[in-house]
Every structure is written in C-alpha cells, then in structure tokens.
Amino acid sequence: MRQTIEKFDGKIISRFQKLEVPLARFAIFIVYFWFGLLKLLGVSPAGPLVEALFHKTLGFMSFEVFYIFFALFEMAIGILFLVRGLERAAILLLLFHLTTTMLPLFLLPGSTWQGFLTPTLEGQYIIKNILIIAAAVVIGSKLASFSKAK
C-alpha cells in the first residue's frame, strides 16, 4: 500500500513540476489582462481606489488619460508573461506595478484598513498580490542565467 501511495505521490509531484511555470504564467496573464481590461472598459471595482491614489500621488496629467495607460500597462504585463524570452521584462514591470499598487496600504489607510491588521476588502485585494509575487518568483527561478544562456 505504501509503495502505491509513494508512486501516486511521485506522479503528482512530477505533473506539478511540469505544470508549475506554464500555470503560473497563465494565471498572471489572466489576472493582469482581465483586470486591465476591466479598467479599460471603465467597469473595474478598483477604479475608485486607483483614482484616490492618483490624486494623492500624481497630478501632472488627467486621471482619464492615466487610467487608460494604466489599464494598457496591466494588460501588457499579462501578455508579456505569455511570451517566452520576455519573462525578465515582465517580472520587472510586475514588480514596479505591485510596488505602486501597494501604496494605498500606506497612503490611503482609511480605504484599506478597518482596524489593526484587519484589511478592508480593498486591502485584501492588495495583500493577495503576495501570491502574484510568489508565482513570478517561481517563473524567474526557472530562467537560465545570462551566463548559462550564452
């Protein structure tokens, strides 16, 4: 019985190892492209939070123009994760994006926290980005280093 369980376990682990990077790439694509598309269409539930952060931090352009560029930026990040060879650029852009999207936790605490260590729904939406970072780290860990790629 133990050998059967170990054999089954080994098959599952082997399958996970084959799927980890493609699944992580696709998951990041879905989240970024979908959420960016919602912004582009003007139906994103994150719109008010993005606008509040925009007015708190930027101001050199209209919010409407910024929001379109921001939506396209998110969609581009998603697409880049699907293109082999562009993972480094995608990860760099993703880290920049996630750094800026974490700002409401600090700059808009009234919108992101309802109490000590108790996030609002918007706060939870931001904190879940830790999972996206973890998926990007998995993808990055599988890239060949520049010295090995030559």
C-alpha atoms as a PDB file:
ATOM      1  CA  MET A   1       0.000   0.000   0.000  1.00  0.00           C
ATOM      2  CA  ARG A   2       2.795   2.433   0.901  1.00  0.00           C
ATOM      3  CA  GLN A   3       4.535   1.833  -2.434  1.00  0.00           C
ATOM      4  CA  THR A   4       1.303   2.572  -4.271  1.00  0.00           C
ATOM      5  CA  ILE A   5       0.876   5.830  -2.368  1.00  0.00           C
ATOM      6  CA  GLU A   6       4.512   6.810  -2.972  1.00  0.00           C
ATOM      7  CA  LYS A   7       4.215   6.015  -6.676  1.00  0.00           C
ATOM      8  CA  PHE A   8       0.991   8.048  -6.932  1.00  0.00           C
ATOM      9  CA  ASP A   9       2.606  10.883  -4.963  1.00  0.00           C
ATOM     10  CA  GLY A  10       5.632  10.827  -7.282  1.00  0.00           C
ATOM     11  CA  LYS A  11       3.386  11.066 -10.344  1.00  0.00           C
ATOM     12  CA  ILE A  12       1.511  14.029  -8.886  1.00  0.00           C
ATOM     13  CA  ILE A  13       4.753  15.816  -7.999  1.00  0.00           C
ATOM     14  CA  SER A  14       6.153  15.139 -11.470  1.00  0.00           C
ATOM     15  CA  ARG A  15       2.991  16.556 -13.064  1.00  0.00           C
ATOM     16  CA  PHE A  16       3.149  19.635 -10.803  1.00  0.00           C
ATOM     17  CA  GLN A  17       6.776  20.207 -11.807  1.00  0.00           C
ATOM     18  CA  LYS A  18       5.783  20.172 -15.478  1.00  0.00           C
ATOM     19  CA  LEU A  19       2.832  22.490 -14.916  1.00  0.00           C
ATOM     20  CA  GLU A  20       4.242  24.971 -12.387  1.00  0.00           C
ATOM     21  CA  VAL A  21       5.714  27.520 -14.798  1.00  0.00           C
ATOM     22  CA  PRO A  22       3.055  27.330 -17.552  1.00  0.00           C
ATOM     23  CA  LEU A  23       0.297  27.538 -14.949  1.00  0.00           C
ATOM     24  CA  ALA A  24       1.966  30.458 -13.142  1.00  0.00           C
ATOM     25  CA  ARG A  25       2.470  32.302 -16.440  1.00  0.00           C
ATOM     26  CA  PHE A  26      -1.135  31.753 -17.473  1.00  0.00           C
ATOM     27  CA  ALA A  27      -2.503  32.722 -14.045  1.00  0.00           C
ATOM     28  CA  ILE A  28      -0.591  36.004 -14.086  1.00  0.00           C
ATOM     29  CA  PHE A  29      -1.750  36.639 -17.649  1.00  0.00           C
ATOM     30  CA  ILE A  30      -5.401  36.065 -16.711  1.00  0.00           C
ATOM     31  CA  VAL A  31      -5.280  38.327 -13.657  1.00  0.00           C
ATOM     32  CA  TYR A  32      -3.374  41.170 -15.315  1.00  0.00           C
ATOM     33  CA  PHE A  33      -5.114  41.094 -18.679  1.00  0.00           C
ATOM     34  CA  TRP A  34      -8.590  40.715 -17.189  1.00  0.00           C
ATOM     35  CA  PHE A  35      -8.175  43.397 -14.535  1.00  0.00           C
ATOM     36  CA  GLY A  36      -6.576  45.745 -17.067  1.00  0.00           C
ATOM     37  CA  LEU A  37      -9.419  45.119 -19.499  1.00  0.00           C
ATOM     38  CA  LEU A  38     -11.977  45.928 -16.793  1.00  0.00           C
ATOM     39  CA  LYS A  39     -10.190  49.236 -16.228  1.00  0.00           C
ATOM     40  CA  LEU A  40     -10.069  49.946 -19.964  1.00  0.00           C
ATOM     41  CA  LEU A  41     -13.804  49.299 -20.203  1.00  0.00           C
ATOM     42  CA  GLY A  42     -14.440  51.543 -17.194  1.00  0.00           C
ATOM     43  CA  VAL A  43     -16.050  48.814 -15.073  1.00  0.00           C
ATOM     44  CA  SER A  44     -13.263  47.901 -12.642  1.00  0.00           C
ATOM     45  CA  PRO A  45     -14.260  47.854  -8.985  1.00  0.00           C
ATOM     46  CA  ALA A  46     -10.711  49.065  -8.271  1.00  0.00           C
ATOM     47  CA  GLY A  47     -11.347  52.312 -10.153  1.00  0.00           C
ATOM     48  CA  PRO A  48     -12.213  54.490  -7.136  1.00  0.00           C
ATOM     49  CA  LEU A  49      -9.152  53.280  -5.213  1.00  0.00           C
ATOM     50  CA  VAL A  50      -6.886  53.900  -8.202  1.00  0.00           C
ATOM     51  CA  GLU A  51      -8.372  57.364  -8.611  1.00  0.00           C
ATOM     52  CA  ALA A  52      -7.913  58.200  -4.927  1.00  0.00           C
ATOM     53  CA  LEU A  53      -4.263  57.091  -5.078  1.00  0.00           C
ATOM     54  CA  PHE A  54      -3.754  59.022  -8.312  1.00  0.00           C
ATOM     55  CA  HIS A  55      -4.986  62.250  -6.745  1.00  0.00           C
ATOM     56  CA  LYS A  56      -2.819  61.636  -3.688  1.00  0.00           C
ATOM     57  CA  THR A  57       0.395  60.962  -5.631  1.00  0.00           C
ATOM     58  CA  LEU A  58       0.214  62.222  -9.221  1.00  0.00           C
ATOM     59  CA  GLY A  59      -1.351  65.197 -10.840  1.00  0.00           C
ATOM     60  CA  PHE A  60       0.644  66.081 -13.921  1.00  0.00           C
ATOM     61  CA  MET A  61      -1.949  64.539 -16.272  1.00  0.00           C
ATOM     62  CA  SER A  62      -5.662  63.917 -16.255  1.00  0.00           C
ATOM     63  CA  PHE A  63      -6.888  60.850 -14.427  1.00  0.00           C
ATOM     64  CA  GLU A  64      -8.744  59.662 -17.528  1.00  0.00           C
ATOM     65  CA  VAL A  65      -5.536  59.575 -19.601  1.00  0.00           C
ATOM     66  CA  PHE A  66      -3.586  57.946 -16.764  1.00  0.00           C
ATOM     67  CA  TYR A  67      -6.277  55.309 -16.250  1.00  0.00           C
ATOM     68  CA  ILE A  68      -6.191  54.257 -19.905  1.00  0.00           C
ATOM     69  CA  PHE A  69      -2.393  53.960 -19.828  1.00  0.00           C
ATOM     70  CA  PHE A  70      -2.572  52.096 -16.518  1.00  0.00           C
ATOM     71  CA  ALA A  71      -5.105  49.646 -17.965  1.00  0.00           C
ATOM     72  CA  LEU A  72      -2.946  49.061 -21.049  1.00  0.00           C
ATOM     73  CA  PHE A  73       0.134  48.687 -18.840  1.00  0.00           C
ATOM     74  CA  GLU A  74      -1.575  45.932 -16.828  1.00  0.00           C
ATOM     75  CA  MET A  75      -2.730  44.178 -19.991  1.00  0.00           C
ATOM     76  CA  ALA A  76       0.792  44.381 -21.442  1.00  0.00           C
ATOM     77  CA  ILE A  77       2.266  42.801 -18.308  1.00  0.00           C
ATOM     78  CA  GLY A  78      -0.165  39.924 -18.704  1.00  0.00           C
ATOM     79  CA  ILE A  79       0.711  39.429 -22.352  1.00  0.00           C
ATOM     80  CA  LEU A  80       4.457  39.588 -21.666  1.00  0.00           C
ATOM     81  CA  PHE A  81       4.130  36.640 -19.287  1.00  0.00           C
ATOM     82  CA  LEU A  82       2.890  34.517 -22.172  1.00  0.00           C
ATOM     83  CA  VAL A  83       5.833  35.307 -24.446  1.00  0.00           C
ATOM     84  CA  ARG A  84       8.893  33.149 -23.904  1.00  0.00           C
ATOM     85  CA  GLY A  85      12.052  35.211 -23.614  1.00  0.00           C
ATOM     86  CA  LEU A  86      10.266  38.264 -22.199  1.00  0.00           C
ATOM     87  CA  GLU A  87       9.905  36.932 -18.663  1.00  0.00           C
ATOM     88  CA  ARG A  88      12.601  39.201 -17.241  1.00  0.00           C
ATOM     89  CA  ALA A  89      10.892  42.296 -18.615  1.00  0.00           C
ATOM     90  CA  ALA A  90       7.518  41.018 -17.431  1.00  0.00           C
ATOM     91  CA  ILE A  91       8.829  40.384 -13.909  1.00  0.00           C
ATOM     92  CA  LEU A  92      10.492  43.798 -13.752  1.00  0.00           C
ATOM     93  CA  LEU A  93       7.284  45.548 -14.842  1.00  0.00           C
ATOM     94  CA  LEU A  94       5.235  43.404 -12.479  1.00  0.00           C
ATOM     95  CA  LEU A  95       7.430  44.325  -9.513  1.00  0.00           C
ATOM     96  CA  PHE A  96       7.155  48.008 -10.391  1.00  0.00           C
ATOM     97  CA  HIS A  97       3.389  47.667 -10.734  1.00  0.00           C
ATOM     98  CA  LEU A  98       2.959  45.785  -7.467  1.00  0.00           C
ATOM     99  CA  THR A  99       5.157  48.259  -5.615  1.00  0.00           C
ATOM    100  CA  THR A 100       2.920  51.104  -6.728  1.00  0.00           C
ATOM    101  CA  THR A 101      -0.298  49.195  -6.129  1.00  0.00           C
ATOM    102  CA  MET A 102       0.742  48.532  -2.525  1.00  0.00           C
ATOM    103  CA  LEU A 103       0.865  52.268  -1.822  1.00  0.00           C
ATOM    104  CA  PRO A 104      -2.794  52.524  -0.750  1.00  0.00           C
ATOM    105  CA  LEU A 105      -1.964  50.349   2.277  1.00  0.00           C
ATOM    106  CA  PHE A 106       0.180  53.248   3.497  1.00  0.00           C
ATOM    107  CA  LEU A 107      -1.220  56.333   1.766  1.00  0.00           C
ATOM    108  CA  LEU A 108      -4.931  55.521   1.957  1.00  0.00           C
ATOM    109  CA  PRO A 109      -5.299  53.619   5.234  1.00  0.00           C
ATOM    110  CA  GLY A 110      -8.936  54.670   5.576  1.00  0.00           C
ATOM    111  CA  SER A 111      -9.734  52.747   2.403  1.00  0.00           C
ATOM    112  CA  THR A 112      -7.567  49.700   3.066  1.00  0.00           C
ATOM    113  CA  TRP A 113      -7.764  49.049   6.830  1.00  0.00           C
ATOM    114  CA  GLN A 114     -10.778  48.735   9.079  1.00  0.00           C
ATOM    115  CA  GLY A 115      -8.694  48.087  12.171  1.00  0.00           C
ATOM    116  CA  PHE A 116      -5.282  46.895  13.350  1.00  0.00           C
ATOM    117  CA  LEU A 117      -4.173  44.124  10.946  1.00  0.00           C
ATOM    118  CA  THR A 118      -7.748  43.936   9.638  1.00  0.00           C
ATOM    119  CA  PRO A 119      -7.860  44.923   5.984  1.00  0.00           C
ATOM    120  CA  THR A 120     -10.940  46.080   4.171  1.00  0.00           C
ATOM    121  CA  LEU A 121     -11.929  44.236   1.019  1.00  0.00           C
ATOM    122  CA  GLU A 122      -9.714  46.689  -0.898  1.00  0.00           C
ATOM    123  CA  GLY A 123      -6.844  45.929   1.481  1.00  0.00           C
ATOM    124  CA  GLN A 124      -7.304  42.203   0.980  1.00  0.00           C
ATOM    125  CA  TYR A 125      -7.309  42.787  -2.776  1.00  0.00           C
ATOM    126  CA  ILE A 126      -3.882  44.418  -2.429  1.00  0.00           C
ATOM    127  CA  ILE A 127      -2.418  41.942   0.074  1.00  0.00           C
ATOM    128  CA  LYS A 128      -3.279  38.984  -2.172  1.00  0.00           C
ATOM    129  CA  ASN A 129      -0.638  40.320  -4.549  1.00  0.00           C
ATOM    130  CA  ILE A 130       1.861  38.385  -2.429  1.00  0.00           C
ATOM    131  CA  LEU A 131       0.625  35.329  -4.336  1.00  0.00           C
ATOM    132  CA  ILE A 132       1.358  37.008  -7.650  1.00  0.00           C
ATOM    133  CA  ILE A 133       4.874  37.806  -6.440  1.00  0.00           C
ATOM    134  CA  ALA A 134       5.334  34.154  -5.446  1.00  0.00           C
ATOM    135  CA  ALA A 135       4.210  32.991  -8.901  1.00  0.00           C
ATOM    136  CA  ALA A 136       6.606  35.451 -10.553  1.00  0.00           C
ATOM    137  CA  VAL A 137       9.433  34.164  -8.344  1.00  0.00           C
ATOM    138  CA  VAL A 138       8.687  30.596  -9.478  1.00  0.00           C
ATOM    139  CA  ILE A 139       8.840  31.722 -13.108  1.00  0.00           C
ATOM    140  CA  GLY A 140      12.033  33.691 -12.507  1.00  0.00           C
ATOM    141  CA  SER A 141      13.671  30.804 -10.680  1.00  0.00           C
ATOM    142  CA  LYS A 142      13.328  28.646 -13.814  1.00  0.00           C
ATOM    143  CA  LEU A 143      15.019  31.127 -16.150  1.00  0.00           C
ATOM    144  CA  ALA A 144      18.515  30.383 -17.317  1.00  0.00           C
ATOM    145  CA  SER A 145      21.059  32.885 -16.067  1.00  0.00           C
ATOM    146  CA  PHE A 146      22.616  35.094 -18.701  1.00  0.00           C
ATOM    147  CA  SER A 147      25.949  33.324 -18.293  1.00  0.00           C
ATOM    148  CA  LYS A 148      24.334  29.907 -18.875  1.00  0.00           C
ATOM    149  CA  ALA A 149      22.228  31.142 -21.773  1.00  0.00           C
ATOM    150  CA  LYS A 150      25.309  32.101 -23.845  1.00  0.00           C
END
